[in-house]
């Protein structure tokens, strides 16, 4: 007797977190019902309250230490004790102040990335969505560009006023000078430390939001690329197949988190993509196969195993493949439960990062190099960099022991950006960035952030090869596209929260680089501030029923005056599949 319904077709459980099948309000309601409140409170304590207290404590402890030191100098005791006490206080102050300063600095940037920058992005995109949706539905491209500039300035002014108001509320409870009594009774510092933190962040919000708003308003706004470059008369042409958001699952008939039954089952579409790429490569060799993140659907071991099983069937493609982490590879806490929350101290996030790093090293460990932090130049290969930590990585994968977590956190941070150097002085290199913010909640996993360290390393690498051309690859889209958007959820929470800042960092390199990303599952070629940006469609996630999907093979050439030419790409279409 056949089953009453075909289990291969899935059921309502497969649509639990699919915005294509359920509204965001329905999904949010499910989250509120399922979320662990004790874990949420613990996460807020560790991610917000503790960094805030440390940030506010810094001036109080520092001034208290100075007061103690002064007292020992001004009112010395008899004999050798004054000298001994002075040396002891200086030693403790020197050893204790530097770690305190580093902790306070990390706390500031942690709070900044969690609260301040997302707040500015939320306000800016909220204003844009409101004005565009209500007043400028049929506006042309020029009007939309002016709208983006105006709303950026408006968001800066609004948040500047909000920051000033917050400072005024917290100022009466703040205190900036500590004394010796404070050092002996630390509980007295909790309230002023929190007030200090609110004052510092409120002041920073007021100043930085206004600066960001003005900077975003005066910079060039994103636009569709007006035209591709002409084929150069002579010189080399590079061909790069750009894939993204493959969302490999670990089950033969598995569905994706974001699409549920509105997307494909299993990994047949990926195998079709690789088979087509192999045919293209046999006819005209590809230089690179670039996959800009989300190789897996939730970063699970079985998914990485399926990814390798598919790629290993095509060794010629595998030898040319470059990958970087997407939010689904490292930030999805639990593909079956979007309300699942990882505590910052739990091994889950670090384990997903180590899985991704192990997979990345297997694909390109001997091809890419990391940047030497001491010299700012290209250093060892990724494989050589990871070799001394192989045992710690294996131990952590087996045990999840907390003692390895902090070391592995530094490794994860230090290996980005990864650099594939150009093969000659004016060749084409690839810089692979990690644009994922560290999040511990599945529903916020899409948050993107570009660290200042990676931007600095990128600039240093390009200075090392002053005549080379570069693909700057990351997962998240740098700026929101200029096309009108009907859903607010597509505006906020997915692009880099400091994307316009990143554009300004790479603007001096605009003629020699092209930025390539994924994440949005749609194709777009445009520019912002002269920086050309290419978004990859997802030839997997767009696959529903028998619809045709596509991806691109992009072509680059050496243009006039050292410019990287962006030629018209080759569109590769794949027929529909029943699965």
Protein backbone atom coordinates (compact mmCIF):
# COMPACT_ATOMS: atom_id res chain seq x y z
CA UNK A 1 0.00 0.00 0.00
CA UNK A 2 1.52 3.41 -0.96
CA UNK A 3 1.93 6.04 1.78
CA UNK A 4 -0.96 8.45 2.32
CA UNK A 5 1.40 11.26 1.33
CA UNK A 6 4.85 11.11 -0.23
CA UNK A 7 7.49 11.77 2.47
CA UNK A 8 9.93 12.89 -0.23
CA UNK A 9 7.73 15.95 -0.77
CA UNK A 10 8.05 17.10 2.84
CA UNK A 11 5.38 18.56 5.09
CA UNK A 12 4.60 21.63 7.18
CA UNK A 13 7.53 20.96 9.53
CA UNK A 14 9.94 21.67 6.67
CA UNK A 15 8.52 25.21 6.38
CA UNK A 16 9.17 26.20 10.00
CA UNK A 17 11.61 29.02 9.15
CA UNK A 18 10.85 29.63 5.49
CA UNK A 19 9.79 33.23 4.74
CA UNK A 20 8.57 31.95 1.38
CA UNK A 21 5.99 29.81 3.14
CA UNK A 22 5.35 31.78 6.34
CA UNK A 23 5.32 35.49 7.15
CA UNK A 24 8.05 36.97 9.29
CA UNK A 25 5.46 37.78 11.95
CA UNK A 26 4.46 34.11 12.10
CA UNK A 27 8.09 33.03 12.37
CA UNK A 28 8.77 35.67 15.04
CA UNK A 29 5.76 34.42 17.01
CA UNK A 30 7.16 30.90 16.91
CA UNK A 31 10.51 32.21 18.15
CA UNK A 32 8.96 33.97 21.12
CA UNK A 33 7.19 30.76 22.09
CA UNK A 34 10.29 28.58 21.76
CA UNK A 35 13.15 30.83 22.90
CA UNK A 36 14.97 29.97 26.11
CA UNK A 37 14.61 33.02 28.39
CA UNK A 38 17.41 31.97 30.80
CA UNK A 39 19.79 31.62 27.86
CA UNK A 40 18.66 34.96 26.43
CA UNK A 41 19.27 36.72 29.75
CA UNK A 42 22.68 35.07 30.10
CA UNK A 43 23.62 36.13 26.57
CA UNK A 44 22.59 39.74 27.23
CA UNK A 45 24.62 39.67 30.43
CA UNK A 46 27.76 38.37 28.73
CA UNK A 47 27.49 40.32 25.47
CA UNK A 48 26.12 43.68 26.67
CA UNK A 49 26.13 44.14 30.45
CA UNK A 50 29.64 42.78 31.16
CA UNK A 51 31.36 44.74 28.33
CA UNK A 52 29.40 47.80 29.41
CA UNK A 53 30.49 47.51 33.04
CA UNK A 54 34.13 46.99 32.03
CA UNK A 55 34.01 49.99 29.73
CA UNK A 56 32.52 52.20 32.45
CA UNK A 57 34.93 50.90 35.09
CA UNK A 58 38.07 51.83 33.16
CA UNK A 59 38.21 55.56 34.10
CA UNK A 60 37.17 54.87 37.71
CA UNK A 61 39.78 52.17 38.30
CA UNK A 62 42.48 54.15 36.52
CA UNK A 63 41.84 57.31 38.52
CA UNK A 64 41.60 55.29 41.76
CA UNK A 65 44.94 53.70 41.02
CA UNK A 66 46.48 57.14 40.39
CA UNK A 67 45.02 58.39 43.68
CA UNK A 68 46.48 55.41 45.53
CA UNK A 69 49.86 55.91 43.92
CA UNK A 70 49.82 59.62 44.78
CA UNK A 71 48.98 58.90 48.42
CA UNK A 72 51.90 56.51 48.69
CA UNK A 73 54.25 59.11 47.27
CA UNK A 74 52.97 62.11 49.26
CA UNK A 75 52.57 60.45 52.67
CA UNK A 76 55.44 57.97 52.87
CA UNK A 77 56.03 55.71 55.81
CA UNK A 78 59.33 55.29 57.57
CA UNK A 79 62.09 52.97 56.42
CA UNK A 80 62.06 50.90 53.24
CA UNK A 81 58.29 50.32 53.18
CA UNK A 82 57.48 53.45 51.12
CA UNK A 83 59.83 52.38 48.35
CA UNK A 84 58.52 48.82 48.41
CA UNK A 85 54.88 49.97 48.29
CA UNK A 86 55.55 52.39 45.45
CA UNK A 87 57.27 49.68 43.37
CA UNK A 88 54.44 47.24 44.16
CA UNK A 89 51.70 49.71 43.18
CA UNK A 90 53.51 50.66 39.95
CA UNK A 91 53.96 46.99 39.04
CA UNK A 92 50.33 46.15 39.75
CA UNK A 93 49.17 49.22 37.91
CA UNK A 94 51.36 48.50 34.90
CA UNK A 95 50.38 44.83 34.72
CA UNK A 96 46.72 45.45 35.50
CA UNK A 97 46.08 48.61 33.50
CA UNK A 98 47.08 47.26 30.11
CA UNK A 99 44.75 44.21 30.25
CA UNK A 100 41.99 46.46 31.62
CA UNK A 101 42.50 48.87 28.74
CA UNK A 102 42.39 46.04 26.19
CA UNK A 103 39.24 44.61 27.81
CA UNK A 104 37.59 48.04 27.82
CA UNK A 105 38.56 48.56 24.17
CA UNK A 106 37.11 45.19 23.15
CA UNK A 107 34.01 45.94 25.18
CA UNK A 108 33.54 49.25 23.39
CA UNK A 109 33.75 47.73 19.93
CA UNK A 110 31.57 44.81 20.98
CA UNK A 111 28.84 47.19 22.14
CA UNK A 112 29.40 49.32 19.05
CA UNK A 113 28.84 46.42 16.68
CA UNK A 114 25.88 45.09 18.68
CA UNK A 115 24.01 48.34 19.36
CA UNK A 116 25.32 51.51 17.71
CA UNK A 117 26.06 50.56 14.12
CA UNK A 118 22.98 48.32 13.70
CA UNK A 119 20.91 51.17 15.18
CA UNK A 120 22.17 53.57 12.53
CA UNK A 121 21.60 51.04 9.74
CA UNK A 122 18.08 50.32 11.04
CA UNK A 123 17.18 54.00 11.20
CA UNK A 124 18.65 54.77 7.76
CA UNK A 125 16.97 51.87 5.98
CA UNK A 126 13.72 52.45 7.88
CA UNK A 127 13.55 56.03 6.65
CA UNK A 128 14.38 54.95 3.12
CA UNK A 129 11.75 52.24 3.14
CA UNK A 130 9.09 54.55 4.56
CA UNK A 131 9.69 57.39 2.09
CA UNK A 132 10.21 55.12 -0.90
CA UNK A 133 7.23 52.90 -0.16
CA UNK A 134 4.80 55.72 0.61
CA UNK A 135 5.94 58.66 -1.51
CA UNK A 136 8.29 57.52 -4.27
CA UNK A 137 7.00 54.22 -5.62
CA UNK A 138 7.59 55.19 -9.26
CA UNK A 139 10.70 57.34 -8.82
CA UNK A 140 13.50 57.13 -11.36
CA UNK A 141 17.10 56.15 -10.58
CA UNK A 142 18.25 59.74 -10.07
CA UNK A 143 15.46 60.45 -7.61
CA UNK A 144 16.20 57.28 -5.70
CA UNK A 145 19.86 58.26 -5.42
CA UNK A 146 18.87 61.62 -3.94
CA UNK A 147 16.49 59.81 -1.60
CA UNK A 148 19.27 57.56 -0.33
CA UNK A 149 21.51 60.55 0.34
CA UNK A 150 18.77 62.53 2.10
CA UNK A 151 17.64 59.68 4.31
CA UNK A 152 21.24 58.91 5.31
CA UNK A 153 21.64 62.50 6.52
CA UNK A 154 18.22 62.33 8.18
CA UNK A 155 19.14 59.14 10.03
CA UNK A 156 22.36 60.76 11.26
CA UNK A 157 20.48 63.78 12.60
CA UNK A 158 17.79 61.67 14.29
CA UNK A 159 20.31 59.40 16.01
CA UNK A 160 22.51 62.35 16.98
CA UNK A 161 19.52 63.84 18.81
CA UNK A 162 18.75 60.47 20.40
CA UNK A 163 22.36 60.13 21.57
CA UNK A 164 22.35 63.58 23.17
CA UNK A 165 19.07 62.78 24.94
CA UNK A 166 20.51 59.51 26.30
CA UNK A 167 23.62 61.33 27.58
CA UNK A 168 21.47 63.90 29.37
CA UNK A 169 19.50 61.15 31.12
CA UNK A 170 22.55 59.18 32.25
CA UNK A 171 24.88 62.05 33.15
CA UNK A 172 23.59 62.69 36.72
CA UNK A 173 24.42 59.09 37.69
CA UNK A 174 27.85 59.03 36.06
CA UNK A 175 31.15 59.52 37.86
CA UNK A 176 34.54 59.75 36.17
CA UNK A 177 37.01 59.94 39.06
CA UNK A 178 37.53 57.11 41.50
CA UNK A 179 39.30 57.04 44.86
CA UNK A 180 41.02 54.52 47.08
CA UNK A 181 37.76 53.61 48.82
CA UNK A 182 36.32 52.53 45.49
CA UNK A 183 39.12 50.02 45.05
CA UNK A 184 38.34 48.42 48.40
CA UNK A 185 34.55 48.42 47.79
CA UNK A 186 34.07 47.53 44.12
CA UNK A 187 30.27 47.17 44.48
CA UNK A 188 30.09 50.96 44.80
CA UNK A 189 31.25 51.24 41.18
CA UNK A 190 28.50 49.23 39.48
CA UNK A 191 25.94 52.04 39.06
CA UNK A 192 28.42 54.76 38.00
CA UNK A 193 30.18 52.27 35.71
CA UNK A 194 26.93 51.50 33.89
CA UNK A 195 26.08 55.20 33.72
CA UNK A 196 29.55 55.92 32.34
CA UNK A 197 29.01 53.29 29.66
CA UNK A 198 25.69 54.82 28.66
CA UNK A 199 27.29 58.28 28.49
CA UNK A 200 30.23 57.03 26.40
CA UNK A 201 28.05 55.10 23.97
CA UNK A 202 25.44 57.88 23.82
CA UNK A 203 28.14 60.43 23.04
CA UNK A 204 29.68 58.11 20.48
CA UNK A 205 26.26 57.50 18.94
CA UNK A 206 25.60 61.23 18.64
CA UNK A 207 28.95 62.04 17.06
CA UNK A 208 29.42 58.94 14.91
CA UNK A 209 25.84 58.79 13.61
CA UNK A 210 26.05 62.40 12.48
CA UNK A 211 29.45 61.73 10.88
CA UNK A 212 28.18 58.55 9.18
CA UNK A 213 25.02 60.28 7.99
CA UNK A 214 26.90 63.18 6.44
CA UNK A 215 29.55 60.89 4.93
CA UNK A 216 26.88 58.59 3.46
CA UNK A 217 24.94 61.57 2.14
CA UNK A 218 27.84 63.16 0.29
CA UNK A 219 29.29 59.94 -1.14
CA UNK A 220 28.19 58.51 -4.48
CA UNK A 221 25.12 56.31 -4.14
CA UNK A 222 24.91 52.76 -5.55
CA UNK A 223 23.74 52.57 -9.16
CA UNK A 224 23.33 49.93 -11.83
CA UNK A 225 26.45 49.54 -13.94
CA UNK A 226 25.83 51.69 -17.04
CA UNK A 227 27.82 49.46 -19.41
CA UNK A 228 30.43 46.73 -19.51
CA UNK A 229 33.92 47.47 -20.83
CA UNK A 230 34.99 46.71 -24.37
CA UNK A 231 37.20 43.72 -25.07
CA UNK A 232 40.85 44.84 -24.87
CA UNK A 233 42.78 44.61 -28.12
CA UNK A 234 45.50 42.58 -26.48
CA UNK A 235 46.32 41.15 -23.12
CA UNK A 236 45.10 38.35 -20.96
CA UNK A 237 41.44 37.58 -20.22
CA UNK A 238 40.56 35.92 -16.93
CA UNK A 239 37.42 33.79 -16.67
CA UNK A 240 35.91 33.34 -13.22
CA UNK A 241 32.80 31.24 -12.55
CA UNK A 242 30.93 32.87 -9.69
CA UNK A 243 28.74 30.64 -7.53
CA UNK A 244 27.17 31.39 -4.18
CA UNK A 245 24.60 30.15 -1.69
CA UNK A 246 24.63 26.47 -2.60
CA UNK A 247 23.07 25.55 0.77
CA UNK A 248 24.12 21.93 0.62
CA UNK A 249 21.99 19.71 2.87
CA UNK A 250 22.98 16.47 4.55
CA UNK A 251 19.96 14.40 3.49
CA UNK A 252 19.00 13.03 0.11
CA UNK A 253 15.56 14.63 0.26
CA UNK A 254 16.39 17.45 2.67
CA UNK A 255 14.89 20.93 2.35
CA UNK A 256 16.62 24.25 3.00
CA UNK A 257 15.99 26.44 6.04
CA UNK A 258 15.05 29.55 4.09
CA UNK A 259 12.96 27.96 1.36
CA UNK A 260 11.34 24.87 2.86
CA UNK A 261 9.16 23.13 0.30
CA UNK A 262 9.41 26.21 -1.94
CA UNK A 263 12.96 25.19 -2.77
CA UNK A 264 14.72 22.10 -4.10
CA UNK A 265 15.12 18.76 -2.39
CA UNK A 266 18.56 17.29 -1.86
CA UNK A 267 21.70 18.28 -3.75
CA UNK A 268 20.89 17.26 -7.32
CA UNK A 269 20.96 20.88 -8.47
CA UNK A 270 24.53 21.31 -7.21
CA UNK A 271 25.63 18.23 -9.11
CA UNK A 272 23.99 19.66 -12.23
CA UNK A 273 25.87 22.96 -11.75
CA UNK A 274 29.22 21.22 -11.38
CA UNK A 275 28.59 19.00 -14.39
CA UNK A 276 27.82 22.07 -16.51
CA UNK A 277 30.90 23.86 -15.20
CA UNK A 278 33.05 20.86 -16.12
CA UNK A 279 31.75 21.05 -19.70
CA UNK A 280 32.48 24.79 -19.86
CA UNK A 281 35.97 24.26 -18.48
CA UNK A 282 36.75 21.53 -21.00
CA UNK A 283 35.82 23.86 -23.88
CA UNK A 284 37.61 26.95 -22.56
CA UNK A 285 39.55 26.68 -19.28
CA UNK A 286 38.39 28.64 -16.27
CA UNK A 287 40.89 30.50 -14.11
CA UNK A 288 38.89 30.30 -10.91
CA UNK A 289 35.66 28.92 -9.52
CA UNK A 290 34.72 31.38 -6.78
CA UNK A 291 32.07 30.37 -4.22
CA UNK A 292 31.18 33.37 -2.05
CA UNK A 293 29.77 31.62 0.99
CA UNK A 294 26.89 29.49 2.20
CA UNK A 295 28.31 26.29 0.84
CA UNK A 296 26.20 24.53 3.48
CA UNK A 297 22.73 25.14 4.86
CA UNK A 298 23.68 25.10 8.53
CA UNK A 299 27.41 24.28 8.77
CA UNK A 300 26.82 20.70 9.91
CA UNK A 301 29.36 17.93 9.39
CA UNK A 302 27.08 15.91 7.12
CA UNK A 303 26.56 18.96 4.90
CA UNK A 304 30.27 19.60 4.53
CA UNK A 305 30.71 15.90 3.71
CA UNK A 306 28.10 16.16 0.93
CA UNK A 307 29.80 19.32 -0.41
CA UNK A 308 33.16 17.54 -0.64
CA UNK A 309 31.58 14.44 -2.14
CA UNK A 310 30.10 16.53 -4.96
CA UNK A 311 33.22 18.63 -5.58
CA UNK A 312 35.63 15.68 -5.50
CA UNK A 313 34.02 14.24 -8.63
CA UNK A 314 35.51 17.15 -10.60
CA UNK A 315 39.22 17.44 -9.68
CA UNK A 316 39.92 20.01 -12.42
CA UNK A 317 37.30 22.31 -10.92
CA UNK A 318 38.37 21.54 -7.37
CA UNK A 319 41.92 22.66 -8.17
CA UNK A 320 40.56 26.07 -9.23
CA UNK A 321 37.98 26.50 -6.48
CA UNK A 322 38.15 29.25 -3.86
CA UNK A 323 35.62 29.50 -1.02
CA UNK A 324 34.87 31.81 1.89
CA UNK A 325 32.46 31.48 4.83
CA UNK A 326 28.83 32.57 4.66
CA UNK A 327 26.44 33.12 7.53
CA UNK A 328 24.83 29.70 7.05
CA UNK A 329 28.25 28.06 7.31
CA UNK A 330 29.07 29.53 10.73
CA UNK A 331 26.15 31.40 12.32
CA UNK A 332 23.10 29.15 12.07
CA UNK A 333 22.73 27.70 15.55
CA UNK A 334 20.22 24.96 14.72
CA UNK A 335 18.62 24.41 11.32
CA UNK A 336 15.64 22.65 12.94
CA UNK A 337 14.96 25.30 15.58
CA UNK A 338 15.41 29.00 14.67
CA UNK A 339 14.74 29.96 18.31
CA UNK A 340 17.84 28.09 19.48
CA UNK A 341 20.35 30.33 21.24
CA UNK A 342 24.04 29.68 21.80
CA UNK A 343 25.60 31.19 24.89
CA UNK A 344 28.87 33.04 24.15
CA UNK A 345 30.65 30.49 26.33
CA UNK A 346 29.18 27.45 24.58
CA UNK A 347 31.30 25.60 22.01
CA UNK A 348 28.68 25.71 19.22
CA UNK A 349 29.83 28.81 17.34
CA UNK A 350 33.50 27.95 17.66
CA UNK A 351 32.82 24.41 16.45
CA UNK A 352 31.01 25.69 13.36
CA UNK A 353 33.91 28.06 12.66
CA UNK A 354 36.44 25.25 13.01
CA UNK A 355 34.40 23.01 10.70
CA UNK A 356 34.31 25.79 8.12
CA UNK A 357 38.03 26.52 8.54
CA UNK A 358 38.90 22.84 8.15
CA UNK A 359 36.82 22.68 4.97
CA UNK A 360 38.34 25.89 3.60
CA UNK A 361 41.84 24.58 4.27
CA UNK A 362 41.02 21.32 2.49
CA UNK A 363 39.90 23.24 -0.60
CA UNK A 364 42.58 25.92 -0.80
CA UNK A 365 45.07 25.49 2.04
CA UNK A 366 48.07 25.27 -0.27
CA UNK A 367 46.86 28.01 -2.64
CA UNK A 368 46.03 30.94 -0.38
CA UNK A 369 48.19 32.86 2.06
CA UNK A 370 47.42 34.74 5.24
CA UNK A 371 48.68 38.24 6.02
CA UNK A 372 51.58 38.54 8.45
CA UNK A 373 50.33 40.90 11.15
CA UNK A 374 53.87 42.00 12.02
CA UNK A 375 54.85 43.12 8.51
CA UNK A 376 51.51 43.65 6.77
CA UNK A 377 52.74 41.51 3.90
CA UNK A 378 51.62 38.15 2.57
CA UNK A 379 52.92 35.43 4.84
CA UNK A 380 52.60 31.64 5.05
CA UNK A 381 50.08 29.52 3.26
CA UNK A 382 46.88 28.74 5.14
CA UNK A 383 48.00 25.12 5.60
CA UNK A 384 51.33 26.17 7.11
CA UNK A 385 49.59 28.65 9.40
CA UNK A 386 47.20 26.03 10.73
CA UNK A 387 49.75 23.22 11.06
CA UNK A 388 50.94 24.16 14.60
CA UNK A 389 47.32 24.19 15.79
CA UNK A 390 46.21 20.93 14.20
CA UNK A 391 46.16 19.02 17.48
CA UNK A 392 44.19 21.74 19.31
CA UNK A 393 41.68 21.88 16.47
CA UNK A 394 41.22 18.11 16.51
CA UNK A 395 40.89 18.06 20.31
CA UNK A 396 38.29 20.81 20.25
CA UNK A 397 36.31 19.06 17.52
CA UNK A 398 36.25 15.92 19.66
CA UNK A 399 35.64 17.44 23.09
CA UNK A 400 34.44 21.06 22.68
CA UNK A 401 36.70 21.93 25.62
CA UNK A 402 36.54 25.57 26.68
CA UNK A 403 40.33 25.78 27.18
CA UNK A 404 40.86 25.65 23.40
CA UNK A 405 38.11 28.09 22.50
CA UNK A 406 39.93 31.41 23.00
CA UNK A 407 42.99 30.22 21.08
CA UNK A 408 40.86 28.97 18.20
CA UNK A 409 38.95 32.25 18.21
CA UNK A 410 42.18 34.11 17.53
CA UNK A 411 43.10 31.64 14.77
CA UNK A 412 39.73 32.17 13.08
CA UNK A 413 40.20 35.93 13.18
CA UNK A 414 43.86 35.92 12.14
CA UNK A 415 43.52 33.82 8.98
CA UNK A 416 41.36 36.45 7.26
CA UNK A 417 41.82 37.88 4.76
CA UNK A 418 43.10 34.94 2.74
CA UNK A 419 45.04 35.97 -0.34
CA UNK A 420 45.63 34.21 -3.64
CA UNK A 421 48.52 36.29 -5.01
CA UNK A 422 48.61 37.31 -8.69
CA UNK A 423 50.80 35.16 -10.91
CA UNK A 424 52.68 38.22 -12.22
CA UNK A 425 53.06 41.87 -11.24
CA UNK A 426 49.98 43.02 -13.18
CA UNK A 427 48.03 39.78 -12.88
CA UNK A 428 44.76 39.04 -11.11
CA UNK A 429 44.76 38.13 -7.42
CA UNK A 430 41.90 37.23 -5.11
CA UNK A 431 41.35 38.53 -1.56
CA UNK A 432 38.89 36.45 0.48
CA UNK A 433 37.24 38.22 3.41
CA UNK A 434 35.10 37.04 6.30
CA UNK A 435 32.09 39.36 6.53
CA UNK A 436 30.18 37.44 9.22
CA UNK A 437 29.45 39.10 12.53
CA UNK A 438 29.63 36.69 15.45
CA UNK A 439 26.04 35.99 16.45
CA UNK A 440 24.57 33.39 18.78
CA UNK A 441 20.95 33.37 17.62
CA UNK A 442 19.66 31.72 14.46
CA UNK A 443 17.19 34.49 13.69
CA UNK A 444 19.97 37.11 13.65
CA UNK A 445 22.50 34.92 11.85
CA UNK A 446 22.50 37.02 8.67
CA UNK A 447 24.21 40.05 10.26
CA UNK A 448 27.29 41.19 8.35
CA UNK A 449 30.22 43.30 9.55
CA UNK A 450 33.63 44.16 8.09
CA UNK A 451 36.40 44.51 10.65
CA UNK A 452 38.90 47.35 10.51
CA UNK A 453 41.73 44.79 10.72
CA UNK A 454 40.64 43.07 7.50
CA UNK A 455 40.26 46.41 5.71
CA UNK A 456 43.75 47.40 6.84
CA UNK A 457 45.24 44.09 5.70
CA UNK A 458 43.49 44.43 2.35
CA UNK A 459 45.08 47.84 1.82
CA UNK A 460 48.50 46.48 2.84
CA UNK A 461 48.28 43.56 0.41
CA UNK A 462 47.33 45.78 -2.52
CA UNK A 463 50.26 48.08 -1.71
CA UNK A 464 52.55 45.06 -1.91
CA UNK A 465 51.42 44.52 -5.52
CA UNK A 466 50.89 48.08 -6.80
CA UNK A 467 50.22 47.06 -10.42
CA UNK A 468 48.08 43.99 -9.81
CA UNK A 469 44.33 43.63 -10.23
CA UNK A 470 42.13 42.13 -7.55
CA UNK A 471 38.87 40.36 -6.90
CA UNK A 472 37.73 41.37 -3.40
CA UNK A 473 35.37 38.57 -2.36
CA UNK A 474 33.02 38.46 0.62
CA UNK A 475 29.65 36.94 1.44
CA UNK A 476 27.42 39.87 2.39
CA UNK A 477 26.34 42.56 -0.04
CA UNK A 478 28.21 45.76 0.68
CA UNK A 479 25.32 48.18 0.07
CA UNK A 480 21.61 47.83 -0.53
CA UNK A 481 20.76 47.71 -4.22
CA UNK A 482 19.08 50.77 -5.74
CA UNK A 483 16.07 48.78 -6.91
CA UNK A 484 12.80 49.34 -5.00
CA UNK A 485 12.14 46.78 -2.28
CA UNK A 486 8.67 45.82 -1.12
CA UNK A 487 9.66 43.96 2.08
CA UNK A 488 11.47 45.79 4.87
CA UNK A 489 13.04 42.49 5.94
CA UNK A 490 15.11 42.55 2.73
CA UNK A 491 16.58 45.93 3.62
CA UNK A 492 17.83 45.42 7.12
CA UNK A 493 19.84 42.73 8.83
CA UNK A 494 21.48 41.28 5.73
CA UNK A 495 23.88 43.88 4.24
CA UNK A 496 27.09 44.91 5.97
CA UNK A 497 26.11 47.21 8.81
CA UNK A 498 29.24 49.27 8.05
CA UNK A 499 29.10 48.75 4.29
CA UNK A 500 29.34 52.42 3.29
CA UNK A 501 32.41 52.74 5.52
CA UNK A 502 33.95 49.76 3.73
CA UNK A 503 33.23 51.34 0.35
CA UNK A 504 35.16 54.40 1.43
CA UNK A 505 38.08 52.21 2.53
CA UNK A 506 38.42 50.54 -0.88
CA UNK A 507 37.55 53.57 -3.03
CA UNK A 508 41.23 54.42 -3.67
CA UNK A 509 41.56 50.98 -5.31
CA UNK A 510 38.39 51.28 -7.40
CA UNK A 511 40.09 51.12 -10.80
CA UNK A 512 42.03 47.94 -9.93
CA UNK A 513 39.41 45.90 -8.08
CA UNK A 514 35.97 44.41 -8.38
CA UNK A 515 33.97 43.30 -5.34
CA UNK A 516 32.07 40.01 -5.65
CA UNK A 517 29.56 38.68 -3.13
CA UNK A 518 26.49 36.49 -2.64
CA UNK A 519 23.97 36.34 0.21
CA UNK A 520 21.00 38.00 -1.54
CA UNK A 521 20.45 35.07 -3.97
CA UNK A 522 20.03 37.50 -6.87
CA UNK A 523 22.25 38.87 -9.60
CA UNK A 524 23.16 42.55 -9.76
CA UNK A 525 26.07 44.37 -11.32
CA UNK A 526 26.52 47.96 -10.22
CA UNK A 527 28.87 50.45 -8.67
CA UNK A 528 29.11 52.63 -5.60
CA UNK A 529 31.68 55.39 -5.35
CA UNK A 530 33.42 53.99 -8.42
CA UNK A 531 33.75 50.51 -6.83
CA UNK A 532 32.22 47.93 -9.15
CA UNK A 533 30.15 45.31 -7.35
CA UNK A 534 28.94 41.92 -8.62
CA UNK A 535 26.28 39.89 -6.83
CA UNK A 536 25.86 36.19 -7.58
CA UNK A 537 22.44 34.60 -7.94
CA UNK A 538 21.82 31.31 -6.19
CA UNK A 539 21.37 28.65 -8.83
CA UNK A 540 20.21 26.34 -6.03
CA UNK A 541 17.88 28.39 -3.84
CA UNK A 542 16.02 29.79 -6.86
CA UNK A 543 15.26 26.25 -8.01
CA UNK A 544 11.59 25.45 -7.47
CA UNK A 545 9.89 22.86 -9.63
CA UNK A 546 10.89 23.00 -13.27
CA UNK A 547 12.01 26.65 -13.42
CA UNK A 548 15.22 27.58 -15.22
CA UNK A 549 18.07 28.87 -13.04
CA UNK A 550 21.34 30.53 -13.98
CA UNK A 551 24.79 31.64 -12.88
CA UNK A 552 27.58 33.60 -14.58
CA UNK A 553 31.10 33.16 -15.81
CA UNK A 554 32.62 36.62 -15.46
CA UNK A 555 35.41 37.86 -17.68
CA UNK A 556 38.08 40.36 -16.67
CA UNK A 557 40.89 41.92 -18.68
CA UNK A 558 43.73 44.41 -18.42
CA UNK A 559 42.41 47.79 -19.45
CA UNK A 560 44.01 51.12 -20.19
CA UNK A 561 46.18 52.79 -17.52
CA UNK A 562 46.15 49.69 -15.33
CA UNK A 563 42.37 49.55 -15.01
CA UNK A 564 40.70 46.18 -14.49
CA UNK A 565 38.24 45.76 -17.35
CA UNK A 566 34.87 44.24 -16.52
CA UNK A 567 33.63 42.50 -19.67
CA UNK A 568 30.16 41.24 -20.43
CA UNK A 569 29.72 37.93 -18.56
CA UNK A 570 28.62 34.60 -19.94
CA UNK A 571 25.18 33.67 -18.61
CA UNK A 572 24.83 29.93 -18.00
CA UNK A 573 21.27 28.65 -17.80
CA UNK A 574 20.27 25.30 -16.37
CA UNK A 575 16.97 23.58 -17.19
CA UNK A 576 14.43 22.80 -14.51
CA UNK A 577 14.54 19.67 -12.39
CA UNK A 578 11.66 17.67 -10.96
CA UNK A 579 13.33 17.60 -7.56
